[in-house]
Amino acid sequence: KLVPTWAEKLTWTGGDGSSLRVHPTGIGPLGVLACGE
């Protein structure tokens, strides 16, 4: 998750842009984001 939301900043370190990727899978091109993203 790139930016922890609000009070979550007390727990999590932010990620980077390297994981903003769409993955080719058997069910089609798949992308993923967490909650506030």
PDB file of all heavy atoms in Angstrom:
ATOM      1  N   LYS A   1       0.837  -1.205   0.000  1.00  0.00           N
ATOM      2  CA  LYS A   1       0.000   0.000   0.000  1.00  0.00           C
ATOM      3  C   LYS A   1       0.869   1.250   0.000  1.00  0.00           C
ATOM      4  O   LYS A   1       1.776   1.401   0.829  1.00  0.00           O
ATOM      5  CB  LYS A   1      -0.908  -0.019   1.227  1.00  0.00           C
ATOM      6  CG  LYS A   1      -2.010   1.036   1.233  1.00  0.00           C
ATOM      7  CD  LYS A   1      -2.940   0.795   2.422  1.00  0.00           C
ATOM      8  CE  LYS A   1      -4.134   1.750   2.409  1.00  0.00           C
ATOM      9  NZ  LYS A   1      -5.046   1.480   3.548  1.00  0.00           N
ATOM     10  N   LEU A   2       0.605   2.141  -0.952  1.00  0.00           N
ATOM     11  CA  LEU A   2       1.480   3.293  -1.144  1.00  0.00           C
ATOM     12  C   LEU A   2       1.425   4.273   0.018  1.00  0.00           C
ATOM     13  O   LEU A   2       2.460   4.786   0.456  1.00  0.00           O
ATOM     14  CB  LEU A   2       1.096   4.009  -2.444  1.00  0.00           C
ATOM     15  CG  LEU A   2       1.251   3.198  -3.733  1.00  0.00           C
ATOM     16  CD1 LEU A   2       0.788   4.027  -4.922  1.00  0.00           C
ATOM     17  CD2 LEU A   2       2.689   2.740  -3.919  1.00  0.00           C
ATOM     18  N   VAL A   3       0.210   4.550   0.507  1.00  0.00           N
ATOM     19  CA  VAL A   3       0.047   5.538   1.569  1.00  0.00           C
ATOM     20  C   VAL A   3      -0.900   4.967   2.635  1.00  0.00           C
ATOM     21  O   VAL A   3      -2.101   4.839   2.377  1.00  0.00           O
ATOM     22  CB  VAL A   3      -0.526   6.869   1.031  1.00  0.00           C
ATOM     23  CG1 VAL A   3      -0.636   7.889   2.164  1.00  0.00           C
ATOM     24  CG2 VAL A   3       0.333   7.424  -0.098  1.00  0.00           C
ATOM     25  N   PRO A   4      -0.408   4.628   3.812  1.00  0.00           N
ATOM     26  CA  PRO A   4      -1.312   4.228   4.885  1.00  0.00           C
ATOM     27  C   PRO A   4      -2.282   5.371   5.200  1.00  0.00           C
ATOM     28  O   PRO A   4      -1.895   6.550   5.206  1.00  0.00           O
ATOM     29  CB  PRO A   4      -0.369   3.955   6.058  1.00  0.00           C
ATOM     30  CG  PRO A   4       0.953   3.668   5.422  1.00  0.00           C
ATOM     31  CD  PRO A   4       1.004   4.540   4.199  1.00  0.00           C
ATOM     32  N   THR A   5      -3.522   5.029   5.478  1.00  0.00           N
ATOM     33  CA  THR A   5      -4.575   6.024   5.643  1.00  0.00           C
ATOM     34  C   THR A   5      -4.715   6.458   7.100  1.00  0.00           C
ATOM     35  O   THR A   5      -4.901   5.632   7.984  1.00  0.00           O
ATOM     36  CB  THR A   5      -5.917   5.446   5.154  1.00  0.00           C
ATOM     37  OG1 THR A   5      -5.775   4.995   3.813  1.00  0.00           O
ATOM     38  CG2 THR A   5      -7.014   6.491   5.218  1.00  0.00           C
ATOM     39  N   TRP A   6      -4.584   7.762   7.318  1.00  0.00           N
ATOM     40  CA  TRP A   6      -4.931   8.377   8.597  1.00  0.00           C
ATOM     41  C   TRP A   6      -4.190   7.692   9.741  1.00  0.00           C
ATOM     42  O   TRP A   6      -2.975   7.710   9.787  1.00  0.00           O
ATOM     43  CB  TRP A   6      -6.453   8.332   8.777  1.00  0.00           C
ATOM     44  CG  TRP A   6      -7.027   9.385   9.696  1.00  0.00           C
ATOM     45  CD1 TRP A   6      -6.336  10.198  10.527  1.00  0.00           C
ATOM     46  CD2 TRP A   6      -8.403   9.702   9.848  1.00  0.00           C
ATOM     47  NE1 TRP A   6      -7.215  11.018  11.203  1.00  0.00           N
ATOM     48  CE2 TRP A   6      -8.482  10.743  10.815  1.00  0.00           C
ATOM     49  CE3 TRP A   6      -9.590   9.232   9.290  1.00  0.00           C
ATOM     50  CZ2 TRP A   6      -9.702  11.294  11.230  1.00  0.00           C
ATOM     51  CZ3 TRP A   6     -10.799   9.791   9.698  1.00  0.00           C
ATOM     52  CH2 TRP A   6     -10.853  10.811  10.653  1.00  0.00           C
ATOM     53  N   ALA A   7      -4.896   7.053  10.675  1.00  0.00           N
ATOM     54  CA  ALA A   7      -4.267   6.451  11.852  1.00  0.00           C
ATOM     55  C   ALA A   7      -3.374   5.265  11.496  1.00  0.00           C
ATOM     56  O   ALA A   7      -2.539   4.849  12.315  1.00  0.00           O
ATOM     57  CB  ALA A   7      -5.342   6.005  12.843  1.00  0.00           C
ATOM     58  N   GLU A   8      -3.514   4.724  10.290  1.00  0.00           N
ATOM     59  CA  GLU A   8      -2.694   3.585   9.870  1.00  0.00           C
ATOM     60  C   GLU A   8      -1.207   3.928   9.791  1.00  0.00           C
ATOM     61  O   GLU A   8      -0.352   3.038   9.797  1.00  0.00           O
ATOM     62  CB  GLU A   8      -3.177   3.078   8.508  1.00  0.00           C
ATOM     63  CG  GLU A   8      -4.574   2.507   8.533  1.00  0.00           C
ATOM     64  CD  GLU A   8      -5.108   2.189   7.146  1.00  0.00           C
ATOM     65  OE1 GLU A   8      -4.389   2.426   6.154  1.00  0.00           O
ATOM     66  OE2 GLU A   8      -6.246   1.695   7.061  1.00  0.00           O
ATOM     67  N   LYS A   9      -0.906   5.220   9.711  1.00  0.00           N
ATOM     68  CA  LYS A   9       0.498   5.635   9.631  1.00  0.00           C
ATOM     69  C   LYS A   9       1.278   5.267  10.893  1.00  0.00           C
ATOM     70  O   LYS A   9       2.507   5.264  10.887  1.00  0.00           O
ATOM     71  CB  LYS A   9       0.582   7.138   9.371  1.00  0.00           C
ATOM     72  CG  LYS A   9       0.062   7.553   7.994  1.00  0.00           C
ATOM     73  CD  LYS A   9       0.130   9.057   7.790  1.00  0.00           C
ATOM     74  CE  LYS A   9      -0.268   9.443   6.377  1.00  0.00           C
ATOM     75  NZ  LYS A   9      -1.690   9.187   6.087  1.00  0.00           N
ATOM     76  N   LEU A  10       0.576   4.957  11.987  1.00  0.00           N
ATOM     77  CA  LEU A  10       1.239   4.507  13.197  1.00  0.00           C
ATOM     78  C   LEU A  10       1.752   3.074  13.065  1.00  0.00           C
ATOM     79  O   LEU A  10       2.536   2.615  13.903  1.00  0.00           O
ATOM     80  CB  LEU A  10       0.270   4.578  14.387  1.00  0.00           C
ATOM     81  CG  LEU A  10      -0.109   5.989  14.854  1.00  0.00           C
ATOM     82  CD1 LEU A  10      -1.274   5.926  15.832  1.00  0.00           C
ATOM     83  CD2 LEU A  10       1.094   6.660  15.512  1.00  0.00           C
ATOM     84  N   THR A  11       1.325   2.370  12.027  1.00  0.00           N
ATOM     85  CA  THR A  11       1.678   0.953  11.891  1.00  0.00           C
ATOM     86  C   THR A  11       2.488   0.659  10.644  1.00  0.00           C
ATOM     87  O   THR A  11       3.517  -0.030  10.716  1.00  0.00           O
ATOM     88  CB  THR A  11       0.409   0.076  11.877  1.00  0.00           C
ATOM     89  OG1 THR A  11      -0.224   0.168  13.160  1.00  0.00           O
ATOM     90  CG2 THR A  11       0.734  -1.379  11.573  1.00  0.00           C
ATOM     91  N   TRP A  12       2.080   1.165   9.481  1.00  0.00           N
ATOM     92  CA  TRP A  12       2.642   0.680   8.231  1.00  0.00           C
ATOM     93  C   TRP A  12       3.601   1.660   7.567  1.00  0.00           C
ATOM     94  O   TRP A  12       3.402   2.876   7.598  1.00  0.00           O
ATOM     95  CB  TRP A  12       1.520   0.348   7.226  1.00  0.00           C
ATOM     96  CG  TRP A  12       0.687  -0.817   7.665  1.00  0.00           C
ATOM     97  CD1 TRP A  12       1.124  -2.010   8.161  1.00  0.00           C
ATOM     98  CD2 TRP A  12      -0.745  -0.883   7.659  1.00  0.00           C
ATOM     99  NE1 TRP A  12       0.060  -2.825   8.452  1.00  0.00           N
ATOM    100  CE2 TRP A  12      -1.100  -2.167   8.156  1.00  0.00           C
ATOM    101  CE3 TRP A  12      -1.752  -0.008   7.266  1.00  0.00           C
ATOM    102  CZ2 TRP A  12      -2.432  -2.577   8.279  1.00  0.00           C
ATOM    103  CZ3 TRP A  12      -3.074  -0.411   7.392  1.00  0.00           C
ATOM    104  CH2 TRP A  12      -3.407  -1.685   7.892  1.00  0.00           C
ATOM    105  N   THR A  13       4.619   1.093   6.938  1.00  0.00           N
ATOM    106  CA  THR A  13       5.524   1.831   6.061  1.00  0.00           C
ATOM    107  C   THR A  13       4.939   1.820   4.648  1.00  0.00           C
ATOM    108  O   THR A  13       4.404   0.801   4.210  1.00  0.00           O
ATOM    109  CB  THR A  13       6.913   1.156   6.060  1.00  0.00           C
ATOM    110  OG1 THR A  13       7.458   1.216   7.381  1.00  0.00           O
ATOM    111  CG2 THR A  13       7.855   1.827   5.085  1.00  0.00           C
ATOM    112  N   GLY A  14       5.046   2.921   3.931  1.00  0.00           N
ATOM    113  CA  GLY A  14       4.503   2.995   2.581  1.00  0.00           C
ATOM    114  C   GLY A  14       5.337   2.221   1.575  1.00  0.00           C
ATOM    115  O   GLY A  14       6.556   2.096   1.715  1.00  0.00           O
ATOM    116  N   GLY A  15       4.682   1.698   0.554  1.00  0.00           N
ATOM    117  CA  GLY A  15       5.368   0.994  -0.518  1.00  0.00           C
ATOM    118  C   GLY A  15       5.890   1.940  -1.576  1.00  0.00           C
ATOM    119  O   GLY A  15       5.939   3.159  -1.382  1.00  0.00           O
ATOM    120  N   ASP A  16       6.299   1.392  -2.730  1.00  0.00           N
ATOM    121  CA  ASP A  16       6.793   2.222  -3.831  1.00  0.00           C
ATOM    122  C   ASP A  16       6.061   1.862  -5.121  1.00  0.00           C
ATOM    123  O   ASP A  16       5.216   0.967  -5.149  1.00  0.00           O
ATOM    124  CB  ASP A  16       8.310   2.093  -3.988  1.00  0.00           C
ATOM    125  CG  ASP A  16       8.770   0.665  -4.228  1.00  0.00           C
ATOM    126  OD1 ASP A  16       8.128  -0.052  -5.009  1.00  0.00           O
ATOM    127  OD2 ASP A  16       9.797   0.257  -3.636  1.00  0.00           O
ATOM    128  N   GLY A  17       6.409   2.577  -6.188  1.00  0.00           N
ATOM    129  CA  GLY A  17       5.685   2.414  -7.445  1.00  0.00           C
ATOM    130  C   GLY A  17       6.012   1.153  -8.211  1.00  0.00           C
ATOM    131  O   GLY A  17       5.366   0.863  -9.226  1.00  0.00           O
ATOM    132  N   SER A  18       6.986   0.376  -7.735  1.00  0.00           N
ATOM    133  CA  SER A  18       7.384  -0.815  -8.490  1.00  0.00           C
ATOM    134  C   SER A  18       6.285  -1.870  -8.542  1.00  0.00           C
ATOM    135  O   SER A  18       6.288  -2.734  -9.418  1.00  0.00           O
ATOM    136  CB  SER A  18       8.647  -1.422  -7.880  1.00  0.00           C
ATOM    137  OG  SER A  18       8.397  -1.918  -6.578  1.00  0.00           O
ATOM    138  N   SER A  19       5.344  -1.824  -7.592  1.00  0.00           N
ATOM    139  CA  SER A  19       4.308  -2.863  -7.551  1.00  0.00           C
ATOM    140  C   SER A  19       2.997  -2.431  -8.190  1.00  0.00           C
ATOM    141  O   SER A  19       2.014  -3.176  -8.135  1.00  0.00           O
ATOM    142  CB  SER A  19       4.067  -3.297  -6.104  1.00  0.00           C
ATOM    143  OG  SER A  19       3.567  -2.228  -5.332  1.00  0.00           O
ATOM    144  N   LEU A  20       2.974  -1.242  -8.790  1.00  0.00           N
ATOM    145  CA  LEU A  20       1.760  -0.808  -9.502  1.00  0.00           C
ATOM    146  C   LEU A  20       1.742  -1.453 -10.880  1.00  0.00           C
ATOM    147  O   LEU A  20       1.958  -0.793 -11.903  1.00  0.00           O
ATOM    148  CB  LEU A  20       1.714   0.717  -9.615  1.00  0.00           C
ATOM    149  CG  LEU A  20       1.244   1.475  -8.377  1.00  0.00           C
ATOM    150  CD1 LEU A  20       1.349   2.976  -8.628  1.00  0.00           C
ATOM    151  CD2 LEU A  20      -0.205   1.112  -8.042  1.00  0.00           C
ATOM    152  N   ARG A  21       1.484  -2.741 -10.914  1.00  0.00           N
ATOM    153  CA  ARG A  21       1.559  -3.521 -12.146  1.00  0.00           C
ATOM    154  C   ARG A  21       0.294  -4.336 -12.347  1.00  0.00           C
ATOM    155  O   ARG A  21      -0.322  -4.807 -11.387  1.00  0.00           O
ATOM    156  CB  ARG A  21       2.777  -4.460 -12.120  1.00  0.00           C
ATOM    157  CG  ARG A  21       4.106  -3.725 -12.230  1.00  0.00           C
ATOM    158  CD  ARG A  21       5.292  -4.673 -12.169  1.00  0.00           C
ATOM    159  NE  ARG A  21       6.544  -3.950 -12.375  1.00  0.00           N
ATOM    160  CZ  ARG A  21       7.160  -3.835 -13.552  1.00  0.00           C
ATOM    161  NH1 ARG A  21       6.644  -4.399 -14.620  1.00  0.00           N
ATOM    162  NH2 ARG A  21       8.287  -3.156 -13.654  1.00  0.00           N
ATOM    163  N   VAL A  22      -0.059  -4.497 -13.600  1.00  0.00           N
ATOM    164  CA  VAL A  22      -1.155  -5.378 -13.988  1.00  0.00           C
ATOM    165  C   VAL A  22      -0.550  -6.712 -14.401  1.00  0.00           C
ATOM    166  O   VAL A  22       0.440  -6.752 -15.141  1.00  0.00           O
ATOM    167  CB  VAL A  22      -1.978  -4.757 -15.128  1.00  0.00           C
ATOM    168  CG1 VAL A  22      -2.994  -5.746 -15.671  1.00  0.00           C
ATOM    169  CG2 VAL A  22      -2.679  -3.491 -14.626  1.00  0.00           C
ATOM    170  N   HIS A  23      -1.141  -7.783 -13.921  1.00  0.00           N
ATOM    171  CA  HIS A  23      -0.576  -9.112 -14.128  1.00  0.00           C
ATOM    172  C   HIS A  23      -1.378  -9.905 -15.151  1.00  0.00           C
ATOM    173  O   HIS A  23      -2.605  -9.988 -15.052  1.00  0.00           O
ATOM    174  CB  HIS A  23      -0.543  -9.879 -12.808  1.00  0.00           C
ATOM    175  CG  HIS A  23       0.157  -9.146 -11.712  1.00  0.00           C
ATOM    176  ND1 HIS A  23       1.526  -8.971 -11.689  1.00  0.00           N
ATOM    177  CD2 HIS A  23      -0.320  -8.508 -10.619  1.00  0.00           C
ATOM    178  CE1 HIS A  23       1.859  -8.276 -10.622  1.00  0.00           C
ATOM    179  NE2 HIS A  23       0.763  -7.990  -9.959  1.00  0.00           N
ATOM    180  N   PRO A  24      -0.697 -10.493 -16.138  1.00  0.00           N
ATOM    181  CA  PRO A  24      -1.403 -11.374 -17.076  1.00  0.00           C
ATOM    182  C   PRO A  24      -1.737 -12.684 -16.375  1.00  0.00           C
ATOM    183  O   PRO A  24      -0.864 -13.337 -15.809  1.00  0.00           O
ATOM    184  CB  PRO A  24      -0.386 -11.578 -18.204  1.00  0.00           C
ATOM    185  CG  PRO A  24       0.952 -11.365 -17.553  1.00  0.00           C
ATOM    186  CD  PRO A  24       0.739 -10.375 -16.446  1.00  0.00           C
ATOM    187  N   THR A  25      -2.997 -13.055 -16.368  1.00  0.00           N
ATOM    188  CA  THR A  25      -3.431 -14.305 -15.744  1.00  0.00           C
ATOM    189  C   THR A  25      -4.404 -15.013 -16.680  1.00  0.00           C
ATOM    190  O   THR A  25      -4.868 -14.439 -17.678  1.00  0.00           O
ATOM    191  CB  THR A  25      -4.150 -14.056 -14.395  1.00  0.00           C
ATOM    192  OG1 THR A  25      -5.435 -13.479 -14.648  1.00  0.00           O
ATOM    193  CG2 THR A  25      -3.339 -13.131 -13.501  1.00  0.00           C
ATOM    194  N   GLY A  26      -4.741 -16.230 -16.322  1.00  0.00           N
ATOM    195  CA  GLY A  26      -5.689 -16.987 -17.129  1.00  0.00           C
ATOM    196  C   GLY A  26      -7.083 -16.402 -17.148  1.00  0.00           C
ATOM    197  O   GLY A  26      -7.873 -16.689 -18.060  1.00  0.00           O
ATOM    198  N   ILE A  27      -7.392 -15.549 -16.150  1.00  0.00           N
ATOM    199  CA  ILE A  27      -8.724 -14.925 -16.123  1.00  0.00           C
ATOM    200  C   ILE A  27      -8.675 -13.489 -16.664  1.00  0.00           C
ATOM    201  O   ILE A  27      -9.672 -12.760 -16.594  1.00  0.00           O
ATOM    202  CB  ILE A  27      -9.343 -14.971 -14.712  1.00  0.00           C
ATOM    203  CG1 ILE A  27      -8.388 -14.399 -13.635  1.00  0.00           C
ATOM    204  CG2 ILE A  27      -9.699 -16.403 -14.355  1.00  0.00           C
ATOM    205  CD1 ILE A  27      -8.543 -12.964 -13.345  1.00  0.00           C
ATOM    206  N   GLY A  28      -7.542 -13.084 -17.224  1.00  0.00           N
ATOM    207  CA  GLY A  28      -7.421 -11.761 -17.824  1.00  0.00           C
ATOM    208  C   GLY A  28      -6.440 -10.877 -17.088  1.00  0.00           C
ATOM    209  O   GLY A  28      -5.882 -11.262 -16.052  1.00  0.00           O
ATOM    210  N   PRO A  29      -6.191  -9.664 -17.599  1.00  0.00           N
ATOM    211  CA  PRO A  29      -5.254  -8.729 -16.974  1.00  0.00           C
ATOM    212  C   PRO A  29      -5.806  -8.234 -15.635  1.00  0.00           C
ATOM    213  O   PRO A  29      -6.872  -7.612 -15.575  1.00  0.00           O
ATOM    214  CB  PRO A  29      -5.150  -7.585 -17.986  1.00  0.00           C
ATOM    215  CG  PRO A  29      -5.698  -8.141 -19.267  1.00  0.00           C
ATOM    216  CD  PRO A  29      -6.725  -9.142 -18.876  1.00  0.00           C
ATOM    217  N   LEU A  30      -5.065  -8.492 -14.560  1.00  0.00           N
ATOM    218  CA  LEU A  30      -5.551  -8.285 -13.191  1.00  0.00           C
ATOM    219  C   LEU A  30      -4.718  -7.242 -12.469  1.00  0.00           C
ATOM    220  O   LEU A  30      -3.495  -7.327 -12.425  1.00  0.00           O
ATOM    221  CB  LEU A  30      -5.499  -9.615 -12.434  1.00  0.00           C
ATOM    222  CG  LEU A  30      -5.810  -9.604 -10.937  1.00  0.00           C
ATOM    223  CD1 LEU A  30      -7.270  -9.249 -10.694  1.00  0.00           C
ATOM    224  CD2 LEU A  30      -5.477 -10.964 -10.314  1.00  0.00           C
ATOM    225  N   GLY A  31      -5.387  -6.259 -11.877  1.00  0.00           N
ATOM    226  CA  GLY A  31      -4.736  -5.257 -11.043  1.00  0.00           C
ATOM    227  C   GLY A  31      -5.305  -5.277  -9.645  1.00  0.00           C
ATOM    228  O   GLY A  31      -6.445  -5.704  -9.427  1.00  0.00           O
ATOM    229  N   VAL A  32      -4.522  -4.765  -8.678  1.00  0.00           N
ATOM    230  CA  VAL A  32      -4.877  -4.869  -7.262  1.00  0.00           C
ATOM    231  C   VAL A  32      -4.577  -3.558  -6.553  1.00  0.00           C
ATOM    232  O   VAL A  32      -3.500  -2.978  -6.748  1.00  0.00           O
ATOM    233  CB  VAL A  32      -4.074  -6.008  -6.596  1.00  0.00           C
ATOM    234  CG1 VAL A  32      -4.317  -6.029  -5.097  1.00  0.00           C
ATOM    235  CG2 VAL A  32      -4.404  -7.352  -7.205  1.00  0.00           C
ATOM    236  N   LEU A  33      -5.519  -3.097  -5.719  1.00  0.00           N
ATOM    237  CA  LEU A  33      -5.273  -1.964  -4.833  1.00  0.00           C
ATOM    238  C   LEU A  33      -5.903  -2.248  -3.476  1.00  0.00           C
ATOM    239  O   LEU A  33      -6.890  -2.988  -3.381  1.00  0.00           O
ATOM    240  CB  LEU A  33      -5.845  -0.659  -5.399  1.00  0.00           C
ATOM    241  CG  LEU A  33      -5.165  -0.073  -6.633  1.00  0.00           C
ATOM    242  CD1 LEU A  33      -5.915   1.160  -7.121  1.00  0.00           C
ATOM    243  CD2 LEU A  33      -3.694   0.272  -6.361  1.00  0.00           C
ATOM    244  N   ALA A  34      -5.347  -1.624  -2.423  1.00  0.00           N
ATOM    245  CA  ALA A  34      -5.822  -1.836  -1.063  1.00  0.00           C
ATOM    246  C   ALA A  34      -6.582  -0.621  -0.560  1.00  0.00           C
ATOM    247  O   ALA A  34      -6.054   0.492  -0.552  1.00  0.00           O
ATOM    248  CB  ALA A  34      -4.642  -2.131  -0.129  1.00  0.00           C
ATOM    249  N   CYS A  35      -7.815  -0.838  -0.180  1.00  0.00           N
ATOM    250  CA  CYS A  35      -8.651   0.102   0.563  1.00  0.00           C
ATOM    251  C   CYS A  35      -8.602   1.527  -0.003  1.00  0.00           C
ATOM    252  O   CYS A  35      -9.033   1.770  -1.115  1.00  0.00           O
ATOM    253  CB  CYS A  35      -8.253   0.068   2.035  1.00  0.00           C
ATOM    254  SG  CYS A  35      -9.525   0.678   3.169  1.00  0.00           S
ATOM    255  N   GLY A  36      -8.029   2.473   0.765  1.00  0.00           N
ATOM    256  CA  GLY A  36      -8.048   3.869   0.361  1.00  0.00           C
ATOM    257  C   GLY A  36      -7.349   4.148  -0.953  1.00  0.00           C
ATOM    258  O   GLY A  36      -7.587   5.201  -1.567  1.00  0.00           O
ATOM    259  N   GLU A  37      -6.472   3.247  -1.415  1.00  0.00           N
ATOM    260  CA  GLU A  37      -5.837   3.444  -2.721  1.00  0.00           C
ATOM    261  C   GLU A  37      -6.870   3.492  -3.838  1.00  0.00           C
ATOM    262  O   GLU A  37      -6.602   4.063  -4.901  1.00  0.00           O
ATOM    263  CB  GLU A  37      -4.850   2.312  -3.007  1.00  0.00           C
ATOM    264  CG  GLU A  37      -3.643   2.308  -2.110  1.00  0.00           C
ATOM    265  CD  GLU A  37      -2.646   1.239  -2.514  1.00  0.00           C
ATOM    266  OE1 GLU A  37      -3.055   0.081  -2.718  1.00  0.00           O
ATOM    267  OE2 GLU A  37      -1.460   1.567  -2.631  1.00  0.00           O
TER     268      GLU A  37
END
